[in-house]
Structure formats: structure tokens, C-alpha cells
C-alpha atoms as a PDB file:
ATOM      1  CA  UNK A   1       7.807  -6.601 -24.054  1.00  0.00           C
ATOM      2  CA  UNK A   2       5.894  -3.441 -24.273  1.00  0.00           C
ATOM      3  CA  UNK A   3       2.229  -3.300 -24.698  1.00  0.00           C
ATOM      4  CA  UNK A   4       0.128   0.061 -25.957  1.00  0.00           C
ATOM      5  CA  UNK A   5      -2.522   1.648 -24.069  1.00  0.00           C
ATOM      6  CA  UNK A   6      -5.278   3.600 -25.594  1.00  0.00           C
ATOM      7  CA  UNK A   7      -8.085   5.592 -24.206  1.00  0.00           C
ATOM      8  CA  UNK A   8     -10.524   8.442 -25.189  1.00  0.00           C
ATOM      9  CA  UNK A   9     -11.035  11.969 -23.700  1.00  0.00           C
ATOM     10  CA  UNK A  10     -12.324  15.240 -25.141  1.00  0.00           C
ATOM     11  CA  UNK A  11      -9.805  17.652 -27.314  1.00  0.00           C
ATOM     12  CA  UNK A  12     -10.279  20.292 -24.544  1.00  0.00           C
ATOM     13  CA  UNK A  13      -8.803  17.812 -21.970  1.00  0.00           C
ATOM     14  CA  UNK A  14      -6.259  16.327 -23.841  1.00  0.00           C
ATOM     15  CA  UNK A  15      -4.972  19.848 -24.680  1.00  0.00           C
ATOM     16  CA  UNK A  16      -5.046  20.908 -21.505  1.00  0.00           C
ATOM     17  CA  UNK A  17      -3.225  17.777 -20.459  1.00  0.00           C
ATOM     18  CA  UNK A  18      -0.746  18.190 -22.955  1.00  0.00           C
ATOM     19  CA  UNK A  19      -0.091  21.880 -22.113  1.00  0.00           C
ATOM     20  CA  UNK A  20       0.298  20.835 -18.526  1.00  0.00           C
ATOM     21  CA  UNK A  21       2.741  18.195 -19.055  1.00  0.00           C
ATOM     22  CA  UNK A  22       4.983  20.451 -21.382  1.00  0.00           C
ATOM     23  CA  UNK A  23       5.275  23.089 -19.084  1.00  0.00           C
ATOM     24  CA  UNK A  24       6.931  19.976 -16.602  1.00  0.00           C
ATOM     25  CA  UNK A  25       8.902  19.527 -19.243  1.00  0.00           C
ATOM     26  CA  UNK A  26       7.391  16.481 -20.118  1.00  0.00           C
ATOM     27  CA  UNK A  27       4.982  14.706 -22.793  1.00  0.00           C
ATOM     28  CA  UNK A  28       1.515  13.804 -22.151  1.00  0.00           C
ATOM     29  CA  UNK A  29       2.581  10.023 -23.054  1.00  0.00           C
ATOM     30  CA  UNK A  30       5.262  10.388 -20.652  1.00  0.00           C
ATOM     31  CA  UNK A  31       2.838  11.688 -17.727  1.00  0.00           C
ATOM     32  CA  UNK A  32       0.728   9.020 -18.697  1.00  0.00           C
ATOM     33  CA  UNK A  33       3.234   5.939 -18.530  1.00  0.00           C
ATOM     34  CA  UNK A  34       4.946   7.182 -15.016  1.00  0.00           C
ATOM     35  CA  UNK A  35       1.202   7.336 -13.985  1.00  0.00           C
ATOM     36  CA  UNK A  36       0.639   3.737 -15.248  1.00  0.00           C
ATOM     37  CA  UNK A  37       4.130   2.937 -13.506  1.00  0.00           C
ATOM     38  CA  UNK A  38       3.024   4.678 -10.317  1.00  0.00           C
ATOM     39  CA  UNK A  39      -0.607   2.562 -10.345  1.00  0.00           C
ATOM     40  CA  UNK A  40       1.228  -0.631 -11.159  1.00  0.00           C
ATOM     41  CA  UNK A  41       3.674  -0.175  -8.131  1.00  0.00           C
ATOM     42  CA  UNK A  42       0.880   0.737  -6.064  1.00  0.00           C
ATOM     43  CA  UNK A  43      -0.590  -2.573  -6.843  1.00  0.00           C
ATOM     44  CA  UNK A  44       2.377  -4.273  -6.617  1.00  0.00           C
ATOM     45  CA  UNK A  45       3.082  -3.396  -2.828  1.00  0.00           C
ATOM     46  CA  UNK A  46      -0.736  -3.948  -2.164  1.00  0.00           C
ATOM     47  CA  UNK A  47      -0.069  -7.724  -3.288  1.00  0.00           C
ATOM     48  CA  UNK A  48       2.904  -7.780  -1.062  1.00  0.00           C
ATOM     49  CA  UNK A  49       0.902  -6.540   1.757  1.00  0.00           C
ATOM     50  CA  UNK A  50      -1.801  -8.769   0.871  1.00  0.00           C
ATOM     51  CA  UNK A  51       0.553 -12.109   1.007  1.00  0.00           C
ATOM     52  CA  UNK A  52       2.020 -10.766   4.434  1.00  0.00           C
ATOM     53  CA  UNK A  53      -1.252 -11.010   5.720  1.00  0.00           C
ATOM     54  CA  UNK A  54      -2.482 -13.913   4.627  1.00  0.00           C
ATOM     55  CA  UNK A  55       0.639 -16.033   5.921  1.00  0.00           C
ATOM     56  CA  UNK A  56       0.139 -14.333   9.404  1.00  0.00           C
ATOM     57  CA  UNK A  57      -3.262 -15.721   9.501  1.00  0.00           C
ATOM     58  CA  UNK A  58      -2.072 -18.770   8.342  1.00  0.00           C
ATOM     59  CA  UNK A  59       0.134 -19.175  11.010  1.00  0.00           C
ATOM     60  CA  UNK A  60      -1.899 -17.958  13.544  1.00  0.00           C
ATOM     61  CA  UNK A  61      -4.792 -20.709  12.477  1.00  0.00           C
ATOM     62  CA  UNK A  62      -1.769 -23.286  12.411  1.00  0.00           C
ATOM     63  CA  UNK A  63      -0.414 -22.444  15.787  1.00  0.00           C
ATOM     64  CA  UNK A  64      -4.191 -22.885  16.860  1.00  0.00           C
ATOM     65  CA  UNK A  65      -4.788 -25.910  15.187  1.00  0.00           C
ATOM     66  CA  UNK A  66      -1.185 -27.109  16.948  1.00  0.00           C
ATOM     67  CA  UNK A  67      -2.895 -26.069  20.711  1.00  0.00           C
ATOM     68  CA  UNK A  68      -0.170 -23.590  21.119  1.00  0.00           C
ATOM     69  CA  UNK A  69      -2.230 -20.665  21.232  1.00  0.00           C
ATOM     70  CA  UNK A  70      -2.454 -18.204  24.116  1.00  0.00           C
ATOM     71  CA  UNK A  71      -5.201 -16.238  24.955  1.00  0.00           C
ATOM     72  CA  UNK A  72      -5.542 -13.458  27.080  1.00  0.00           C
ATOM     73  CA  UNK A  73      -8.622 -11.271  28.607  1.00  0.00           C
ATOM     74  CA  UNK A  74      -9.415  -8.138  26.728  1.00  0.00           C
ATOM     75  CA  UNK A  75      -8.615  -6.091  29.660  1.00  0.00           C
ATOM     76  CA  UNK A  76      -4.642  -7.397  30.260  1.00  0.00           C
ATOM     77  CA  UNK A  77      -4.503  -7.185  25.920  1.00  0.00           C
ATOM     78  CA  UNK A  78      -5.830  -3.446  26.611  1.00  0.00           C
ATOM     79  CA  UNK A  79      -3.017  -2.858  29.255  1.00  0.00           C
ATOM     80  CA  UNK A  80      -0.089  -5.136  27.434  1.00  0.00           C
ATOM     81  CA  UNK A  81      -0.614  -2.927  24.007  1.00  0.00           C
ATOM     82  CA  UNK A  82      -1.125   0.904  26.293  1.00  0.00           C
ATOM     83  CA  UNK A  83       2.233   0.070  27.711  1.00  0.00           C
ATOM     84  CA  UNK A  84       3.814  -0.770  24.059  1.00  0.00           C
ATOM     85  CA  UNK A  85       2.533   2.138  22.929  1.00  0.00           C
ATOM     86  CA  UNK A  86       4.123   4.352  25.739  1.00  0.00           C
ATOM     87  CA  UNK A  87       7.772   2.625  25.345  1.00  0.00           C
ATOM     88  CA  UNK A  88       7.171   3.244  21.229  1.00  0.00           C
ATOM     89  CA  UNK A  89       6.311   6.872  22.326  1.00  0.00           C
ATOM     90  CA  UNK A  90       9.320   7.121  24.847  1.00  0.00           C
ATOM     91  CA  UNK A  91      11.812   6.000  22.512  1.00  0.00           C
ATOM     92  CA  UNK A  92      10.378   8.381  19.254  1.00  0.00           C
ATOM     93  CA  UNK A  93      10.106  11.718  21.913  1.00  0.00           C
ATOM     94  CA  UNK A  94      14.103  10.774  22.783  1.00  0.00           C
END
């Protein structure tokens, strides 16, 4: 099902936007449709990332509640992260 979107802009803005769209071989409606589709896709991606993060946080809490969490000291975590980053950088530079 398709729906119609309407909004108001002043005549000068509309004329300039039409000229730009036409110079690209499309209509102003095409340009607005493409922008709307791009915004919708960006929102889909954001929602997917939010869902993934929520699942990861819930899994972490489940692990904590089950007593299966392992805690490490901050300095050890920093050291491990530095080693991890160095490994990735070396793989990228090869």
C-alpha cells in the first residue's frame, strides 16, 4: 500500500529544488521519494543495531545472574585491548 506525503515549502525553494532534480534527470517527486526511502533504510539499520545491542546486554545480565561472569582488573583489560588492537592493525597492514 502506498501513501502520499505532503509538505509545504515556499515557491523559491520548490523552484530551485525542481531545477536541481531536473539537472540530475529526475523529478522533484523522485528526489523526495529517494530521500524518504534512504531515511527509512537508515532507521531500519538503527533499529537492527538497537535490537542487537539490547540482546547483548540481556545476555550479559543473564550470564551475571547465573554466576558465570568473570571480572578482570581495569589495567588487565586495557592491556588485553591494546594487544587485540595491535593484532588487528598488523593484519590490516599486511
